[in-house]
């Protein structure tokens, strides 16, 4: 009898890192733009 191995490069395996990357990118862009807004809006240093 021959057993089949599970596929590593499945749709879910590729989709999850992509989703995580875009969430991290959104977080990073939000944090950097908030810092610039706070410096301009509140005359911060």
PDB file of N, CA and C in Angstrom:
ATOM      1  N   UNK A   1       0.833  -1.193   0.000  1.00  0.00           N
ATOM      2  CA  UNK A   1       0.000   0.000   0.000  1.00  0.00           C
ATOM      3  C   UNK A   1       0.875   1.252   0.000  1.00  0.00           C
ATOM      4  N   UNK A   2       0.447   2.208  -0.748  1.00  0.00           N
ATOM      5  CA  UNK A   2       1.187   3.447  -0.846  1.00  0.00           C
ATOM      6  C   UNK A   2       0.364   4.566  -0.209  1.00  0.00           C
ATOM      7  N   UNK A   3       0.974   5.263   0.740  1.00  0.00           N
ATOM      8  CA  UNK A   3       0.266   6.382   1.378  1.00  0.00           C
ATOM      9  C   UNK A   3       0.754   7.684   0.747  1.00  0.00           C
ATOM     10  N   UNK A   4      -0.138   8.603   0.600  1.00  0.00           N
ATOM     11  CA  UNK A   4       0.227   9.887  -0.006  1.00  0.00           C
ATOM     12  C   UNK A   4       0.628  10.879   1.086  1.00  0.00           C
ATOM     13  N   UNK A   5       1.624  11.690   0.771  1.00  0.00           N
ATOM     14  CA  UNK A   5       2.069  12.726   1.695  1.00  0.00           C
ATOM     15  C   UNK A   5       1.175  13.944   1.548  1.00  0.00           C
ATOM     16  N   UNK A   6       0.947  14.658   2.637  1.00  0.00           N
ATOM     17  CA  UNK A   6       0.168  15.893   2.507  1.00  0.00           C
ATOM     18  C   UNK A   6       0.980  16.953   1.761  1.00  0.00           C
ATOM     19  N   UNK A   7       0.299  17.762   1.000  1.00  0.00           N
ATOM     20  CA  UNK A   7       0.965  18.814   0.236  1.00  0.00           C
ATOM     21  C   UNK A   7       1.413  19.935   1.162  1.00  0.00           C
ATOM     22  N   UNK A   8       2.639  20.401   0.964  1.00  0.00           N
ATOM     23  CA  UNK A   8       3.124  21.521   1.756  1.00  0.00           C
ATOM     24  C   UNK A   8       2.660  22.848   1.167  1.00  0.00           C
ATOM     25  N   UNK A   9       2.819  23.030  -0.132  1.00  0.00           N
ATOM     26  CA  UNK A   9       2.487  24.287  -0.769  1.00  0.00           C
ATOM     27  C   UNK A   9       1.011  24.314  -1.158  1.00  0.00           C
ATOM     28  N   UNK A  10       0.160  24.261  -0.161  1.00  0.00           N
ATOM     29  CA  UNK A  10      -1.275  24.308  -0.410  1.00  0.00           C
ATOM     30  C   UNK A  10      -1.748  25.761  -0.474  1.00  0.00           C
ATOM     31  N   UNK A  11      -2.992  25.933  -0.811  1.00  0.00           N
ATOM     32  CA  UNK A  11      -3.572  27.270  -0.901  1.00  0.00           C
ATOM     33  C   UNK A  11      -3.530  27.970   0.458  1.00  0.00           C
ATOM     34  N   UNK A  12      -3.870  27.265   1.507  1.00  0.00           N
ATOM     35  CA  UNK A  12      -3.870  27.861   2.841  1.00  0.00           C
ATOM     36  C   UNK A  12      -2.460  28.207   3.312  1.00  0.00           C
ATOM     37  N   UNK A  13      -1.485  27.383   2.948  1.00  0.00           N
ATOM     38  CA  UNK A  13      -0.105  27.622   3.344  1.00  0.00           C
ATOM     39  C   UNK A  13       0.423  28.910   2.708  1.00  0.00           C
ATOM     40  N   UNK A  14       0.035  29.204   1.507  1.00  0.00           N
ATOM     41  CA  UNK A  14       0.467  30.420   0.825  1.00  0.00           C
ATOM     42  C   UNK A  14      -0.366  31.624   1.269  1.00  0.00           C
ATOM     43  N   UNK A  15      -1.632  31.418   1.498  1.00  0.00           N
ATOM     44  CA  UNK A  15      -2.534  32.510   1.845  1.00  0.00           C
ATOM     45  C   UNK A  15      -2.250  33.100   3.226  1.00  0.00           C
ATOM     46  N   UNK A  16      -1.933  32.277   4.197  1.00  0.00           N
ATOM     47  CA  UNK A  16      -1.718  32.775   5.554  1.00  0.00           C
ATOM     48  C   UNK A  16      -0.519  33.713   5.679  1.00  0.00           C
ATOM     49  N   UNK A  17       0.658  33.411   5.105  1.00  0.00           N
ATOM     50  CA  UNK A  17       1.743  34.403   5.171  1.00  0.00           C
ATOM     51  C   UNK A  17       1.432  35.695   4.422  1.00  0.00           C
ATOM     52  N   UNK A  18       0.699  35.599   3.328  1.00  0.00           N
ATOM     53  CA  UNK A  18       0.320  36.814   2.603  1.00  0.00           C
ATOM     54  C   UNK A  18      -0.592  37.701   3.445  1.00  0.00           C
ATOM     55  N   UNK A  19      -1.555  37.100   4.093  1.00  0.00           N
ATOM     56  CA  UNK A  19      -2.464  37.854   4.958  1.00  0.00           C
ATOM     57  C   UNK A  19      -1.687  38.487   6.106  1.00  0.00           C
ATOM     58  N   UNK A  20      -0.796  37.716   6.714  1.00  0.00           N
ATOM     59  CA  UNK A  20       0.008  38.225   7.817  1.00  0.00           C
ATOM     60  C   UNK A  20       0.897  39.376   7.360  1.00  0.00           C
ATOM     61  N   UNK A  21       1.475  39.264   6.155  1.00  0.00           N
ATOM     62  CA  UNK A  21       2.311  40.339   5.628  1.00  0.00           C
ATOM     63  C   UNK A  21       1.501  41.619   5.450  1.00  0.00           C
ATOM     64  N   UNK A  22       0.313  41.533   4.888  1.00  0.00           N
ATOM     65  CA  UNK A  22      -0.478  42.739   4.655  1.00  0.00           C
ATOM     66  C   UNK A  22      -0.987  43.346   5.958  1.00  0.00           C
ATOM     67  N   UNK A  23      -1.268  42.533   6.961  1.00  0.00           N
ATOM     68  CA  UNK A  23      -1.649  43.070   8.267  1.00  0.00           C
ATOM     69  C   UNK A  23      -0.472  43.811   8.888  1.00  0.00           C
ATOM     70  N   UNK A  24       0.726  43.228   8.828  1.00  0.00           N
ATOM     71  CA  UNK A  24       1.915  43.879   9.373  1.00  0.00           C
ATOM     72  C   UNK A  24       2.228  45.162   8.618  1.00  0.00           C
ATOM     73  N   UNK A  25       2.078  45.148   7.294  1.00  0.00           N
ATOM     74  CA  UNK A  25       2.321  46.340   6.487  1.00  0.00           C
ATOM     75  C   UNK A  25       1.347  47.460   6.856  1.00  0.00           C
ATOM     76  N   UNK A  26       0.092  47.124   7.026  1.00  0.00           N
ATOM     77  CA  UNK A  26      -0.907  48.113   7.418  1.00  0.00           C
ATOM     78  C   UNK A  26      -0.588  48.699   8.785  1.00  0.00           C
ATOM     79  N   UNK A  27      -0.193  47.833   9.714  1.00  0.00           N
ATOM     80  CA  UNK A  27       0.176  48.294  11.057  1.00  0.00           C
ATOM     81  C   UNK A  27       1.365  49.246  10.980  1.00  0.00           C
ATOM     82  N   UNK A  28       2.402  48.874  10.227  1.00  0.00           N
ATOM     83  CA  UNK A  28       3.593  49.707  10.114  1.00  0.00           C
ATOM     84  C   UNK A  28       3.275  51.055   9.485  1.00  0.00           C
ATOM     85  N   UNK A  29       2.501  51.058   8.407  1.00  0.00           N
ATOM     86  CA  UNK A  29       2.164  52.315   7.741  1.00  0.00           C
ATOM     87  C   UNK A  29       1.299  53.208   8.625  1.00  0.00           C
ATOM     88  N   UNK A  30       0.416  52.612   9.402  1.00  0.00           N
ATOM     89  CA  UNK A  30      -0.421  53.390  10.312  1.00  0.00           C
ATOM     90  C   UNK A  30       0.415  54.030  11.414  1.00  0.00           C
ATOM     91  N   UNK A  31       1.321  53.253  12.004  1.00  0.00           N
ATOM     92  CA  UNK A  31       2.144  53.787  13.083  1.00  0.00           C
ATOM     93  C   UNK A  31       3.034  54.931  12.587  1.00  0.00           C
ATOM     94  N   UNK A  32       3.632  54.774  11.414  1.00  0.00           N
ATOM     95  CA  UNK A  32       4.511  55.830  10.918  1.00  0.00           C
ATOM     96  C   UNK A  32       3.736  57.082  10.530  1.00  0.00           C
ATOM     97  N   UNK A  33       2.549  56.927   9.990  1.00  0.00           N
ATOM     98  CA  UNK A  33       1.780  58.118   9.628  1.00  0.00           C
ATOM     99  C   UNK A  33       1.206  58.811  10.863  1.00  0.00           C
ATOM    100  N   UNK A  34       0.869  58.060  11.900  1.00  0.00           N
ATOM    101  CA  UNK A  34       0.379  58.670  13.143  1.00  0.00           C
ATOM    102  C   UNK A  34       1.501  59.472  13.810  1.00  0.00           C
ATOM    103  N   UNK A  35       2.721  58.973  13.744  1.00  0.00           N
ATOM    104  CA  UNK A  35       3.843  59.709  14.341  1.00  0.00           C
ATOM    105  C   UNK A  35       4.037  61.041  13.637  1.00  0.00           C
ATOM    106  N   UNK A  36       3.968  61.050  12.313  1.00  0.00           N
ATOM    107  CA  UNK A  36       4.098  62.312  11.573  1.00  0.00           C
ATOM    108  C   UNK A  36       2.962  63.270  11.867  1.00  0.00           C
ATOM    109  N   UNK A  37       1.756  62.736  11.970  1.00  0.00           N
ATOM    110  CA  UNK A  37       0.595  63.580  12.303  1.00  0.00           C
ATOM    111  C   UNK A  37       0.733  64.170  13.695  1.00  0.00           C
ATOM    112  N   UNK A  38       1.188  63.374  14.653  1.00  0.00           N
ATOM    113  CA  UNK A  38       1.332  63.863  16.022  1.00  0.00           C
ATOM    114  C   UNK A  38       2.404  64.950  16.100  1.00  0.00           C
ATOM    115  N   UNK A  39       3.479  64.783  15.345  1.00  0.00           N
ATOM    116  CA  UNK A  39       4.533  65.792  15.367  1.00  0.00           C
ATOM    117  C   UNK A  39       4.037  67.107  14.768  1.00  0.00           C
ATOM    118  N   UNK A  40       3.288  67.028  13.677  1.00  0.00           N
ATOM    119  CA  UNK A  40       2.779  68.254  13.048  1.00  0.00           C
ATOM    120  C   UNK A  40       1.593  68.849  13.812  1.00  0.00           C
ATOM    121  N   UNK A  41       0.690  68.019  14.223  1.00  0.00           N
ATOM    122  CA  UNK A  41      -0.538  68.503  14.845  1.00  0.00           C
ATOM    123  C   UNK A  41      -0.363  69.003  16.271  1.00  0.00           C
ATOM    124  N   UNK A  42       0.540  68.364  17.012  1.00  0.00           N
ATOM    125  CA  UNK A  42       0.727  68.738  18.416  1.00  0.00           C
ATOM    126  C   UNK A  42       2.059  69.426  18.686  1.00  0.00           C
ATOM    127  N   UNK A  43       2.740  69.822  17.607  1.00  0.00           N
ATOM    128  CA  UNK A  43       4.050  70.477  17.720  1.00  0.00           C
ATOM    129  C   UNK A  43       4.995  69.678  18.593  1.00  0.00           C
ATOM    130  N   UNK A  44       5.024  68.375  18.368  1.00  0.00           N
ATOM    131  CA  UNK A  44       5.914  67.506  19.136  1.00  0.00           C
ATOM    132  C   UNK A  44       7.284  67.432  18.518  1.00  0.00           C
ATOM    133  N   UNK A  45       8.196  66.837  19.272  1.00  0.00           N
ATOM    134  CA  UNK A  45       9.565  66.670  18.767  1.00  0.00           C
ATOM    135  C   UNK A  45       9.831  65.210  18.466  1.00  0.00           C
TER     136      UNK A  45
END
